[in-house]
Amino acid sequence: MIYHVTIGDTTRIVEVRRDGVTLDGTPLDVDIEKISGVPVRSLLLGGRSHRVSARRVASEEWEVHIEGRRVSVSVVEERTKAIRETIVAKSGPSGPSPIVAPMPGMVMRVDVAEGDIVEAGQGVVIMEAMKMENELTAEAQGVVSKIHIEEGQAVEKGKVLVDLVAQGLVENDV
C-alpha cells in the first residue's frame, strides 16, 4: 500500500509491502513490535529503538506520540488521493461565472456597473423572454469586469451578458 503522510507542511510517500518499507522511494530498515498489554509499540528504525503510540483522531488524522513528543499526522491512501484529484479536476475552477442569456430575449435592465462587487444570488440583469421578466443572478461573489450588453438590446441564447471575476483579480484593472 502507498500512503501520503503529512506532518506540518511536509508530505512524504510511504510504501508498505511484504518485502519492506520505502520512504520517498528509499528503502528503510524498519521493524515494529507490539508491547504486550499497552498501546505502545517498539519501533526499530535505522538501528535505533523508539517507543511509539498512535491514536486515530479523525478518518485520516492521527496523533502520534514518539519519545515523549506529540505529532499530528495526516495519512491518505494513494487510491483515495487519486480519486480526490480526479474529482477536483473534473469539477473545474470555482468562483464567479459569467452571466449568460439562458434563452433569446430582451435586456430590460442592467443592475450593475463595471467594477461593482456582487454577492452570490445578487440580481445582475433583468431579461424579458416570452412576455416574462427573468432576473439573472450571480452564482458566486465576484467583481463585474465587463458588461457586454445595454438596456433594450435583443440577445440570443448563450450570449455572455456580464463577465465576473474573482475579487482579487481585477483590483488594478477595473
Protein backbone atom coordinates (compact mmCIF):
# COMPACT_ATOMS: atom_id res chain seq x y z
CA MET A 1 0.00 0.00 0.00
CA ILE A 2 1.11 3.53 -0.71
CA TYR A 3 0.35 6.34 1.73
CA HIS A 4 0.82 10.11 1.57
CA VAL A 5 1.92 11.08 5.08
CA THR A 6 1.86 14.76 6.03
CA ILE A 7 3.47 16.23 9.11
CA GLY A 8 3.25 20.02 9.23
CA ASP A 9 3.94 21.32 5.71
CA THR A 10 5.88 18.25 4.57
CA THR A 11 4.31 15.32 2.73
CA ARG A 12 6.24 12.09 2.23
CA ILE A 13 5.29 8.96 0.32
CA VAL A 14 5.45 5.76 2.36
CA GLU A 15 5.07 2.42 0.61
CA VAL A 16 4.45 -0.65 2.75
CA ARG A 17 5.00 -4.02 1.05
CA ARG A 18 5.58 -7.55 2.26
CA ASP A 19 9.28 -7.23 1.48
CA GLY A 20 9.76 -3.89 3.26
CA VAL A 21 9.00 -0.21 3.58
CA THR A 22 10.19 2.72 1.45
CA LEU A 23 10.14 6.43 2.21
CA ASP A 24 10.00 8.56 -0.94
CA GLY A 25 11.36 5.54 -2.83
CA THR A 26 14.28 4.90 -0.46
CA PRO A 27 14.20 1.54 1.39
CA LEU A 28 14.03 1.81 5.19
CA ASP A 29 15.50 -0.55 7.74
CA VAL A 30 12.39 -0.72 9.94
CA ASP A 31 10.69 -3.16 12.29
CA ILE A 32 7.77 -2.65 14.67
CA GLU A 33 6.81 -4.83 17.61
CA LYS A 34 3.73 -4.69 19.83
CA ILE A 35 4.43 -4.40 23.54
CA SER A 36 2.04 -6.73 25.35
CA GLY A 37 -0.75 -5.12 27.35
CA VAL A 38 -0.16 -1.48 26.32
CA PRO A 39 -0.94 0.63 23.23
CA VAL A 40 2.77 1.35 22.79
CA ARG A 41 4.88 -0.14 20.03
CA SER A 42 8.60 -0.60 19.81
CA LEU A 43 9.81 0.89 16.53
CA LEU A 44 13.26 -0.10 15.30
CA LEU A 45 14.25 2.44 12.64
CA GLY A 46 17.72 2.61 11.18
CA GLY A 47 19.15 0.62 14.07
CA ARG A 48 17.61 2.91 16.75
CA SER A 49 14.76 1.86 19.02
CA HIS A 50 11.82 4.22 19.70
CA ARG A 51 8.66 3.88 21.78
CA VAL A 52 5.64 4.94 19.72
CA SER A 53 1.88 5.11 20.22
CA ALA A 54 -0.69 6.33 17.72
CA ARG A 55 -4.34 7.26 18.08
CA ARG A 56 -6.71 8.00 15.22
CA VAL A 57 -8.50 11.31 15.86
CA ALA A 58 -10.35 11.53 12.51
CA SER A 59 -10.61 9.38 9.39
CA GLU A 60 -7.17 10.42 8.11
CA GLU A 61 -5.76 12.27 11.11
CA TRP A 62 -3.56 10.65 13.74
CA GLU A 63 -1.99 11.79 16.97
CA VAL A 64 1.40 10.08 17.28
CA HIS A 65 3.49 10.05 20.44
CA ILE A 66 7.15 9.27 19.89
CA GLU A 67 9.85 9.67 22.51
CA GLY A 68 7.57 11.94 24.58
CA ARG A 69 6.67 14.26 21.68
CA ARG A 70 3.17 14.55 20.27
CA VAL A 71 2.92 14.91 16.50
CA SER A 72 -0.21 15.43 14.36
CA VAL A 73 -0.04 13.28 11.23
CA SER A 74 -2.33 13.08 8.20
CA VAL A 75 -2.30 9.74 6.36
CA VAL A 76 -4.06 9.45 2.97
CA GLU A 77 -4.04 6.20 0.99
CA GLU A 78 -2.85 6.59 -2.62
CA ARG A 79 -6.14 5.45 -4.17
CA THR A 80 -8.14 7.96 -2.07
CA LYS A 81 -5.77 10.76 -3.10
CA ALA A 82 -6.11 9.84 -6.79
CA ILE A 83 -9.92 9.80 -6.58
CA ARG A 84 -9.95 13.24 -4.92
CA GLU A 85 -7.64 14.70 -7.56
CA THR A 86 -9.86 13.31 -10.33
CA ILE A 87 -12.97 14.83 -8.74
CA VAL A 88 -11.29 18.23 -8.35
CA ALA A 89 -10.00 18.15 -11.95
CA LYS A 90 -13.47 17.32 -13.29
CA SER A 91 -15.21 19.97 -11.19
CA GLY A 92 -13.23 22.73 -12.92
CA PRO A 93 -12.38 26.07 -11.45
CA SER A 94 -14.58 27.52 -8.75
CA GLY A 95 -15.56 31.12 -8.46
CA PRO A 96 -17.77 33.51 -10.35
CA SER A 97 -19.17 32.52 -13.74
CA PRO A 98 -20.21 34.93 -16.47
CA ILE A 99 -23.88 35.86 -16.68
CA VAL A 100 -25.17 34.22 -19.85
CA ALA A 101 -28.55 34.59 -21.57
CA PRO A 102 -30.50 31.39 -20.80
CA MET A 103 -32.82 31.98 -23.79
CA PRO A 104 -33.38 34.56 -26.52
CA GLY A 105 -34.89 37.76 -25.17
CA MET A 106 -34.61 41.47 -24.49
CA VAL A 107 -32.38 43.09 -21.86
CA MET A 108 -34.74 45.16 -19.73
CA ARG A 109 -32.32 46.37 -17.07
CA VAL A 110 -28.66 46.05 -16.06
CA ASP A 111 -28.40 46.36 -12.28
CA VAL A 112 -24.61 46.57 -12.02
CA ALA A 113 -21.72 48.63 -13.36
CA GLU A 114 -18.18 47.62 -14.23
CA GLY A 115 -16.13 47.44 -11.04
CA ASP A 116 -19.12 46.59 -8.81
CA ILE A 117 -18.72 43.78 -6.30
CA VAL A 118 -21.61 41.32 -6.47
CA GLU A 119 -22.61 38.68 -3.93
CA ALA A 120 -23.80 35.15 -4.67
CA GLY A 121 -27.51 35.31 -5.55
CA GLN A 122 -27.47 39.04 -6.29
CA GLY A 123 -29.51 40.17 -9.30
CA VAL A 124 -27.35 41.39 -12.19
CA VAL A 125 -29.56 41.60 -15.30
CA ILE A 126 -33.33 41.58 -15.91
CA MET A 127 -34.29 39.94 -19.21
CA GLU A 128 -37.69 39.67 -20.82
CA ALA A 129 -38.43 36.45 -22.66
CA MET A 130 -41.85 35.16 -23.73
CA LYS A 131 -43.51 38.18 -22.03
CA MET A 132 -41.96 37.30 -18.65
CA GLU A 133 -39.23 39.13 -16.79
CA ASN A 134 -36.36 36.94 -15.58
CA GLU A 135 -33.76 38.05 -13.07
CA LEU A 136 -30.32 36.64 -13.82
CA THR A 137 -28.18 36.34 -10.69
CA ALA A 138 -24.52 35.84 -9.81
CA GLU A 139 -23.64 32.25 -8.84
CA ALA A 140 -20.75 33.36 -6.63
CA GLN A 141 -19.22 36.52 -5.24
CA GLY A 142 -17.14 38.45 -7.77
CA VAL A 143 -16.35 41.73 -9.46
CA VAL A 144 -18.07 42.92 -12.63
CA SER A 145 -15.19 43.09 -15.11
CA LYS A 146 -17.10 43.72 -18.37
CA ILE A 147 -20.69 44.45 -19.40
CA HIS A 148 -21.37 43.27 -22.96
CA ILE A 149 -24.96 44.49 -23.35
CA GLU A 150 -27.15 47.52 -22.81
CA GLU A 151 -30.78 48.02 -21.89
CA GLY A 152 -33.18 47.41 -24.79
CA GLN A 153 -30.76 45.10 -26.62
CA ALA A 154 -32.05 41.82 -28.05
CA VAL A 155 -29.83 38.85 -27.24
CA GLU A 156 -29.62 35.23 -28.32
CA LYS A 157 -29.45 32.23 -26.03
CA GLY A 158 -25.89 31.66 -24.77
CA LYS A 159 -24.68 35.24 -25.25
CA VAL A 160 -22.36 36.42 -22.48
CA LEU A 161 -24.04 39.43 -20.91
CA VAL A 162 -21.75 40.26 -17.97
CA ASP A 163 -18.30 38.95 -17.08
CA LEU A 164 -17.46 38.40 -13.42
CA VAL A 165 -14.05 37.60 -11.98
CA ALA A 166 -12.78 36.74 -8.51
CA GLN A 167 -12.37 39.86 -6.38
CA GLY A 168 -8.57 39.88 -6.15
CA LEU A 169 -8.04 39.50 -9.91
CA VAL A 170 -9.15 42.89 -11.17
CA GLU A 171 -8.43 45.41 -8.46
CA ASN A 172 -5.86 47.21 -10.64
CA ASP A 173 -7.70 46.65 -13.92
CA VAL A 174 -11.21 47.89 -13.09
